[in-house]
C-alpha atoms as a PDB file:
ATOM      1  CA  MET A   1      41.775  34.798  25.513  1.00  0.00           C
ATOM      2  CA  TYR A   2      41.272  31.764  27.762  1.00  0.00           C
ATOM      3  CA  ARG A   3      37.648  32.839  28.281  1.00  0.00           C
ATOM      4  CA  TYR A   4      36.903  32.799  24.540  1.00  0.00           C
ATOM      5  CA  THR A   5      38.583  29.413  24.144  1.00  0.00           C
ATOM      6  CA  ARG A   6      36.376  27.929  26.860  1.00  0.00           C
ATOM      7  CA  LEU A   7      33.248  29.404  25.265  1.00  0.00           C
ATOM      8  CA  PHE A   8      34.314  28.109  21.857  1.00  0.00           C
ATOM      9  CA  LEU A   9      34.902  24.588  23.227  1.00  0.00           C
ATOM     10  CA  LEU A  10      31.576  24.675  25.047  1.00  0.00           C
ATOM     11  CA  ALA A  11      29.810  25.718  21.859  1.00  0.00           C
ATOM     12  CA  ILE A  12      31.460  22.851  19.932  1.00  0.00           C
ATOM     13  CA  ALA A  13      30.489  20.348  22.639  1.00  0.00           C
ATOM     14  CA  ILE A  14      26.866  21.482  22.502  1.00  0.00           C
ATOM     15  CA  ALA A  15      26.812  21.317  18.716  1.00  0.00           C
ATOM     16  CA  VAL A  16      28.304  17.814  18.650  1.00  0.00           C
ATOM     17  CA  THR A  17      25.822  16.590  21.264  1.00  0.00           C
ATOM     18  CA  GLY A  18      22.922  18.045  19.277  1.00  0.00           C
ATOM     19  CA  VAL A  19      24.072  16.477  16.025  1.00  0.00           C
ATOM     20  CA  ALA A  20      24.506  13.085  17.684  1.00  0.00           C
ATOM     21  CA  ALA A  21      21.036  13.279  19.256  1.00  0.00           C
ATOM     22  CA  TYR A  22      19.472  14.300  15.935  1.00  0.00           C
ATOM     23  CA  ALA A  23      21.212  11.436  14.111  1.00  0.00           C
ATOM     24  CA  ALA A  24      20.088   8.884  16.693  1.00  0.00           C
ATOM     25  CA  LYS A  25      16.503  10.200  16.602  1.00  0.00           C
ATOM     26  CA  GLY A  26      16.410  10.144  12.793  1.00  0.00           C
ATOM     27  CA  ALA A  27      17.642   6.565  12.605  1.00  0.00           C
ATOM     28  CA  GLY A  28      14.787   5.327  14.773  1.00  0.00           C
ATOM     29  CA  GLU A  29      12.052   7.179  12.891  1.00  0.00           C
ATOM     30  CA  ASN A  30      12.363   5.537   9.494  1.00  0.00           C
ATOM     31  CA  ASP A  31       9.041   3.743   9.009  1.00  0.00           C
ATOM     32  CA  ALA A  32      10.413   1.822   6.044  1.00  0.00           C
ATOM     33  CA  LEU A  33      12.706  -0.129   8.338  1.00  0.00           C
ATOM     34  CA  ALA A  34       9.737  -1.106  10.525  1.00  0.00           C
ATOM     35  CA  ILE A  35       8.508  -3.457   7.786  1.00  0.00           C
ATOM     36  CA  ARG A  36      11.073  -5.998   8.988  1.00  0.00           C
ATOM     37  CA  GLN A  37       8.804  -6.564  12.018  1.00  0.00           C
ATOM     38  CA  ALA A  38       5.641  -7.222   9.962  1.00  0.00           C
ATOM     39  CA  ARG A  39       4.287 -10.772  10.124  1.00  0.00           C
ATOM     40  CA  ILE A  40       2.728 -10.506   6.691  1.00  0.00           C
ATOM     41  CA  PRO A  41       5.059  -9.728   3.758  1.00  0.00           C
ATOM     42  CA  LEU A  42       4.219  -6.910   1.340  1.00  0.00           C
ATOM     43  CA  THR A  43       3.659  -9.363  -1.523  1.00  0.00           C
ATOM     44  CA  GLN A  44       0.992 -11.220   0.458  1.00  0.00           C
ATOM     45  CA  ALA A  45      -0.737  -7.961   1.433  1.00  0.00           C
ATOM     46  CA  VAL A  46      -0.806  -6.873  -2.210  1.00  0.00           C
ATOM     47  CA  ALA A  47      -2.266 -10.249  -3.257  1.00  0.00           C
ATOM     48  CA  VAL A  48      -5.030  -9.982  -0.619  1.00  0.00           C
ATOM     49  CA  ALA A  49      -5.867  -6.428  -1.714  1.00  0.00           C
ATOM     50  CA  GLU A  50      -5.935  -7.366  -5.415  1.00  0.00           C
ATOM     51  CA  GLN A  51      -8.231 -10.303  -4.709  1.00  0.00           C
ATOM     52  CA  HIS A  52     -10.510  -8.186  -2.519  1.00  0.00           C
ATOM     53  CA  ALA A  53     -10.897  -5.381  -5.082  1.00  0.00           C
ATOM     54  CA  GLN A  54     -10.631  -7.675  -8.104  1.00  0.00           C
ATOM     55  CA  GLY A  55      -7.925  -5.610  -9.757  1.00  0.00           C
ATOM     56  CA  LYS A  56      -4.219  -4.833  -9.923  1.00  0.00           C
ATOM     57  CA  ALA A  57      -2.205  -2.956  -7.343  1.00  0.00           C
ATOM     58  CA  SER A  58      -0.639   0.278  -8.516  1.00  0.00           C
ATOM     59  CA  ARG A  59       0.900   1.407  -5.205  1.00  0.00           C
ATOM     60  CA  ALA A  60       1.499  -0.001  -1.736  1.00  0.00           C
ATOM     61  CA  GLU A  61       2.738   1.606   1.487  1.00  0.00           C
ATOM     62  CA  TYR A  62       3.527   0.298   4.957  1.00  0.00           C
ATOM     63  CA  GLU A  63       2.424   2.783   7.566  1.00  0.00           C
ATOM     64  CA  HIS A  64       1.403   3.234  11.164  1.00  0.00           C
ATOM     65  CA  SER A  65      -2.264   4.092  11.786  1.00  0.00           C
ATOM     66  CA  LYS A  66      -4.851   3.970  14.563  1.00  0.00           C
ATOM     67  CA  GLN A  67      -5.210   0.237  13.882  1.00  0.00           C
ATOM     68  CA  GLY A  68      -1.457  -0.319  14.240  1.00  0.00           C
ATOM     69  CA  TRP A  69       0.846  -1.155  11.350  1.00  0.00           C
ATOM     70  CA  VAL A  70      -1.055  -1.592   8.072  1.00  0.00           C
ATOM     71  CA  TYR A  71      -0.440  -1.876   4.379  1.00  0.00           C
ATOM     72  CA  ASP A  72      -2.255   0.768   2.338  1.00  0.00           C
ATOM     73  CA  VAL A  73      -2.674  -0.677  -1.146  1.00  0.00           C
ATOM     74  CA  GLU A  74      -4.129   1.226  -4.103  1.00  0.00           C
ATOM     75  CA  VAL A  75      -5.873  -1.193  -6.475  1.00  0.00           C
ATOM     76  CA  VAL A  76      -7.131  -0.391  -9.982  1.00  0.00           C
ATOM     77  CA  SER A  77     -10.224  -2.353 -10.991  1.00  0.00           C
ATOM     78  CA  GLY A  78     -11.501  -1.416 -14.440  1.00  0.00           C
ATOM     79  CA  THR A  79     -12.029   2.357 -14.334  1.00  0.00           C
ATOM     80  CA  ARG A  80     -12.253   2.482 -10.555  1.00  0.00           C
ATOM     81  CA  VAL A  81      -9.509   2.824  -7.943  1.00  0.00           C
ATOM     82  CA  PHE A  82      -9.768   1.450  -4.420  1.00  0.00           C
ATOM     83  CA  ASP A  83      -7.747   2.117  -1.276  1.00  0.00           C
ATOM     84  CA  VAL A  84      -7.500  -1.178   0.569  1.00  0.00           C
ATOM     85  CA  ARG A  85      -6.000  -1.342   4.087  1.00  0.00           C
ATOM     86  CA  ILE A  86      -4.503  -4.664   5.109  1.00  0.00           C
ATOM     87  CA  ASP A  87      -3.640  -5.602   8.717  1.00  0.00           C
ATOM     88  CA  ALA A  88       0.123  -6.263   8.764  1.00  0.00           C
ATOM     89  CA  GLU A  89      -0.212  -8.790  11.599  1.00  0.00           C
ATOM     90  CA  LYS A  90      -3.174 -10.860  10.345  1.00  0.00           C
ATOM     91  CA  GLY A  91      -3.217 -10.251   6.582  1.00  0.00           C
ATOM     92  CA  THR A  92      -6.903  -9.386   6.633  1.00  0.00           C
ATOM     93  CA  VAL A  93      -8.733  -6.474   5.030  1.00  0.00           C
ATOM     94  CA  ILE A  94      -9.361  -3.690   7.532  1.00  0.00           C
ATOM     95  CA  SER A  95     -11.146  -1.351   5.132  1.00  0.00           C
ATOM     96  CA  SER A  96     -11.755  -0.749   1.477  1.00  0.00           C
ATOM     97  CA  ALA A  97     -13.045   2.417  -0.122  1.00  0.00           C
ATOM     98  CA  GLU A  98     -13.286   3.758  -3.638  1.00  0.00           C
ATOM     99  CA  ASP A  99     -10.668   6.450  -4.170  1.00  0.00           C
ATOM    100  CA  LYS A 100     -12.027   9.492  -5.933  1.00  0.00           C
ATOM    101  CA  ALA A 101      -8.796  11.510  -5.629  1.00  0.00           C
ATOM    102  CA  ASP A 102      -5.900  11.359  -3.181  1.00  0.00           C
ATOM    103  CA  HIS A 103      -5.173  14.909  -2.168  1.00  0.00           C
ATOM    104  CA  ASP A 104      -2.655  13.709   0.404  1.00  0.00           C
ATOM    105  CA  ASP A 105      -0.320  12.158  -2.187  1.00  0.00           C
ATOM    106  CA  ASP A 106       1.960  14.369  -4.257  1.00  0.00           C
ATOM    107  CA  HIS A 107       1.587  12.208  -7.349  1.00  0.00           C
ATOM    108  CA  ASP A 108      -2.206  12.669  -7.360  1.00  0.00           C
ATOM    109  CA  ARG A 109      -2.252  16.480  -7.181  1.00  0.00           C
ATOM    110  CA  ARG A 110      -3.493  18.341 -10.214  1.00  0.00           C
ATOM    111  CA  ASP A 111      -2.300  21.828 -11.058  1.00  0.00           C
END
């Protein structure tokens, strides 16, 4: 009986340690919280993107890329849509491309 109790307690200890490690890892991986470190606020990035593409922003995301942290802003200009990437440290346009269709976004998928 003592043997099963020890195994049971060991199993609980392993489970608790795993849950604690998972919770700590998950808390540090939330990219949305990283925006607190950005030098340029989201509103300024959206304004820069709208001015660059001469349109209105319909979506904006803060994400990590090869260039570092960037704002990815989707801007509608007339009948065209542009993906404008803004440097989160400098507030400058990194790239701008016409968006034919975003197959990586769930809201753009067509069935």
